[in-house]
Amino acid sequence: MASMTDFCTLLLKGRNWICGRRSVEEVVPGLWIGDISSRSVYNSFDCVIDCTAGCQSKRGDGGDRPTCHIVLSLSDVTSPDFRQYIDKQRAMLNAILLVTPIIDTHLCSGKRVLVHCRAGKQRSATIIAAYLMLYREVPIDRAISRLRQIPGCFTPYCNFELALRQSNWHQLIHKK
């Protein structure tokens, strides 16, 4: 009799699934979100933004490599220390300002972009929500709603949702 692992491997062979959940999901055409297991499909993308803190980043296993590979050392907000909370929110906003123009440039050129973190729920989701707000002019609630349609993505208590809501940073960018 086949084990559950064998069953998942057989049933999902050839797809980007991790036993019942995709490791990558397309949010809008060309823009994908993933978890840490999406590292195995790096070579399917032109640009990879890895938001996995504290992990040694590896590119895909052989084949073509992404032409753009950015590693951001972002941590989830887990400490009750208010100072650490503010520092992590600030780091996220800086990352958003750094990578959203890169995402837009690649997508406007018809390229495929993957944004991932360890679980594909918070850091990567926050960056993609910010991209949708800044470059697609999607209101925050619609951006979050779109991401929450993806199983397990943008958890209801996402650590960085406050960073997206609390300031007018996105309005300042559009004035440039």
Protein backbone atom coordinates (compact mmCIF):
# COMPACT_ATOMS: atom_id res chain seq x y z
CA MET A 1 0.00 0.00 0.00
CA ALA A 2 1.29 3.48 -0.91
CA SER A 3 2.12 5.98 1.81
CA MET A 4 0.55 9.46 1.97
CA THR A 5 3.83 10.91 0.66
CA ASP A 6 3.79 8.52 -2.29
CA PHE A 7 0.16 9.41 -2.94
CA CYS A 8 0.87 13.15 -2.92
CA THR A 9 3.91 12.69 -5.13
CA LEU A 10 1.97 10.58 -7.62
CA LEU A 11 -1.15 12.73 -7.61
CA LEU A 12 0.67 16.02 -7.93
CA LYS A 13 3.63 14.99 -10.07
CA GLY A 14 4.59 17.67 -12.57
CA ARG A 15 2.79 20.48 -10.75
CA ASN A 16 4.07 23.04 -8.27
CA TRP A 17 2.11 21.58 -5.36
CA ILE A 18 3.30 20.79 -1.88
CA CYS A 19 0.84 18.13 -0.68
CA GLY A 20 -2.45 20.01 -0.94
CA ARG A 21 -1.11 23.56 -1.27
CA ARG A 22 0.67 25.14 -4.18
CA SER A 23 4.18 26.29 -3.46
CA VAL A 24 3.61 29.20 -5.88
CA GLU A 25 0.43 31.03 -6.85
CA GLU A 26 -0.08 33.72 -9.48
CA VAL A 27 -1.54 36.86 -7.89
CA VAL A 28 -1.82 38.95 -11.06
CA PRO A 29 -0.44 38.03 -14.49
CA GLY A 30 3.30 37.52 -14.16
CA LEU A 31 3.48 38.13 -10.38
CA TRP A 32 3.70 35.05 -8.20
CA ILE A 33 3.82 34.49 -4.43
CA GLY A 34 5.44 31.48 -2.82
CA ASP A 35 6.78 29.86 0.28
CA ILE A 36 10.27 28.52 0.96
CA SER A 37 9.65 25.41 -1.14
CA SER A 38 9.32 27.64 -4.21
CA ARG A 39 13.13 27.75 -4.30
CA SER A 40 12.92 24.55 -6.34
CA VAL A 41 11.29 26.46 -9.22
CA TYR A 42 13.53 29.56 -9.28
CA ASN A 43 14.56 28.78 -12.82
CA SER A 44 10.94 29.35 -13.96
CA PHE A 45 11.19 33.07 -13.13
CA ASP A 46 13.07 36.07 -14.50
CA CYS A 47 13.17 37.83 -11.13
CA VAL A 48 13.10 36.29 -7.65
CA ILE A 49 12.69 38.32 -4.47
CA ASP A 50 13.51 36.18 -1.44
CA CYS A 51 12.23 37.66 1.84
CA THR A 52 13.28 34.69 3.97
CA ALA A 53 15.16 35.98 7.00
CA GLY A 54 18.06 34.02 8.35
CA CYS A 55 18.13 31.38 5.62
CA GLN A 56 20.98 30.75 3.26
CA SER A 57 19.46 31.55 -0.11
CA LYS A 58 19.91 28.99 -2.86
CA ARG A 59 18.94 29.35 -6.43
CA GLY A 60 17.12 26.68 -8.38
CA ASP A 61 18.56 23.25 -9.03
CA GLY A 62 20.41 23.57 -12.34
CA GLY A 63 19.17 25.07 -15.57
CA ASP A 64 18.69 28.73 -16.23
CA ARG A 65 18.91 31.10 -13.31
CA PRO A 66 16.79 34.18 -12.73
CA THR A 67 18.46 37.26 -14.18
CA CYS A 68 17.43 39.23 -11.10
CA HIS A 69 17.74 37.66 -7.65
CA ILE A 70 17.25 39.87 -4.59
CA VAL A 71 17.57 38.62 -1.03
CA LEU A 72 15.94 40.74 1.67
CA SER A 73 16.63 39.90 5.30
CA LEU A 74 13.20 40.63 6.73
CA SER A 75 11.89 39.13 9.96
CA ASP A 76 8.32 38.64 11.06
CA VAL A 77 7.29 40.76 14.03
CA THR A 78 7.25 38.33 16.95
CA SER A 79 8.55 40.41 19.82
CA PRO A 80 6.29 42.37 22.17
CA ASP A 81 9.10 44.95 22.39
CA PHE A 82 7.67 48.08 20.77
CA ARG A 83 11.10 49.28 19.61
CA GLN A 84 11.72 46.03 17.73
CA TYR A 85 8.23 46.24 16.27
CA ILE A 86 8.89 49.73 14.90
CA ASP A 87 12.31 48.68 13.54
CA LYS A 88 10.78 45.73 11.66
CA GLN A 89 7.97 47.89 10.27
CA ARG A 90 10.57 50.41 9.07
CA ALA A 91 12.66 47.64 7.48
CA MET A 92 9.56 46.41 5.64
CA LEU A 93 8.72 49.89 4.33
CA ASN A 94 12.33 50.31 3.12
CA ALA A 95 12.15 46.94 1.37
CA ILE A 96 8.89 47.95 -0.30
CA LEU A 97 10.48 51.14 -1.60
CA LEU A 98 13.44 49.14 -2.90
CA VAL A 99 11.72 46.25 -4.67
CA THR A 100 8.34 47.48 -5.92
CA PRO A 101 9.90 49.49 -8.77
CA ILE A 102 11.96 46.42 -9.72
CA ILE A 103 8.81 44.27 -9.74
CA ASP A 104 7.04 46.82 -11.93
CA THR A 105 9.93 47.08 -14.39
CA HIS A 106 10.01 43.31 -14.85
CA LEU A 107 6.24 42.95 -15.18
CA CYS A 108 6.03 45.81 -17.69
CA SER A 109 8.66 43.94 -19.74
CA GLY A 110 6.50 40.81 -19.77
CA LYS A 111 8.75 38.96 -17.32
CA ARG A 112 7.76 36.59 -14.51
CA VAL A 113 8.43 37.63 -10.92
CA LEU A 114 8.36 35.45 -7.79
CA VAL A 115 8.20 36.99 -4.31
CA HIS A 116 8.56 34.47 -1.48
CA CYS A 117 9.26 34.12 2.21
CA ARG A 118 9.30 31.12 4.54
CA ALA A 119 5.53 30.51 4.66
CA GLY A 120 4.28 32.81 1.89
CA LYS A 121 1.89 34.49 4.32
CA GLN A 122 3.29 37.76 5.61
CA ARG A 123 6.52 39.27 4.26
CA SER A 124 5.99 38.28 0.62
CA ALA A 125 2.27 39.06 0.85
CA THR A 126 2.99 42.51 2.26
CA ILE A 127 5.40 43.33 -0.57
CA ILE A 128 2.90 42.16 -3.18
CA ALA A 129 0.05 44.10 -1.54
CA ALA A 130 2.25 47.21 -1.56
CA TYR A 131 3.05 46.64 -5.25
CA LEU A 132 -0.66 46.37 -6.08
CA MET A 133 -1.33 49.58 -4.15
CA LEU A 134 1.56 51.56 -5.64
CA TYR A 135 1.62 50.46 -9.25
CA ARG A 136 -1.86 49.09 -9.92
CA GLU A 137 -3.62 51.66 -7.72
CA VAL A 138 -5.56 48.92 -5.97
CA PRO A 139 -7.06 50.05 -2.64
CA ILE A 140 -5.50 48.32 0.36
CA ASP A 141 -8.62 46.32 1.26
CA ARG A 142 -8.91 44.95 -2.30
CA ALA A 143 -5.19 44.10 -2.40
CA ILE A 144 -5.44 42.22 0.90
CA SER A 145 -8.66 40.55 -0.18
CA ARG A 146 -7.01 39.32 -3.38
CA LEU A 147 -4.11 37.84 -1.42
CA ARG A 148 -6.42 36.21 1.11
CA GLN A 149 -8.07 34.32 -1.77
CA ILE A 150 -4.85 32.29 -1.93
CA PRO A 151 -5.01 29.50 0.68
CA GLY A 152 -2.95 30.39 3.75
CA CYS A 153 -1.84 33.77 2.39
CA PHE A 154 -1.97 37.08 4.24
CA THR A 155 -3.14 35.74 7.55
CA PRO A 156 -5.84 37.80 9.29
CA TYR A 157 -3.31 39.15 11.78
CA CYS A 158 -0.51 39.82 9.36
CA ASN A 159 2.30 41.56 11.22
CA PHE A 160 2.84 44.10 8.48
CA GLU A 161 -0.72 45.07 7.65
CA LEU A 162 -0.40 47.99 10.03
CA ALA A 163 2.64 49.24 8.08
CA LEU A 164 0.51 49.31 4.94
CA ARG A 165 -2.37 51.11 6.66
CA GLN A 166 -0.74 53.47 9.13
CA SER A 167 0.93 56.02 6.92
CA ASN A 168 0.62 57.87 3.67
CA TRP A 169 3.90 56.46 2.32
CA HIS A 170 2.20 55.18 -0.82
CA GLN A 171 0.72 58.61 -1.58
CA LEU A 172 4.12 60.29 -1.24
CA ILE A 173 5.65 57.97 -3.83
CA HIS A 174 3.05 58.88 -6.46
CA LYS A 175 3.92 62.59 -6.11
CA LYS A 176 7.49 62.01 -7.35
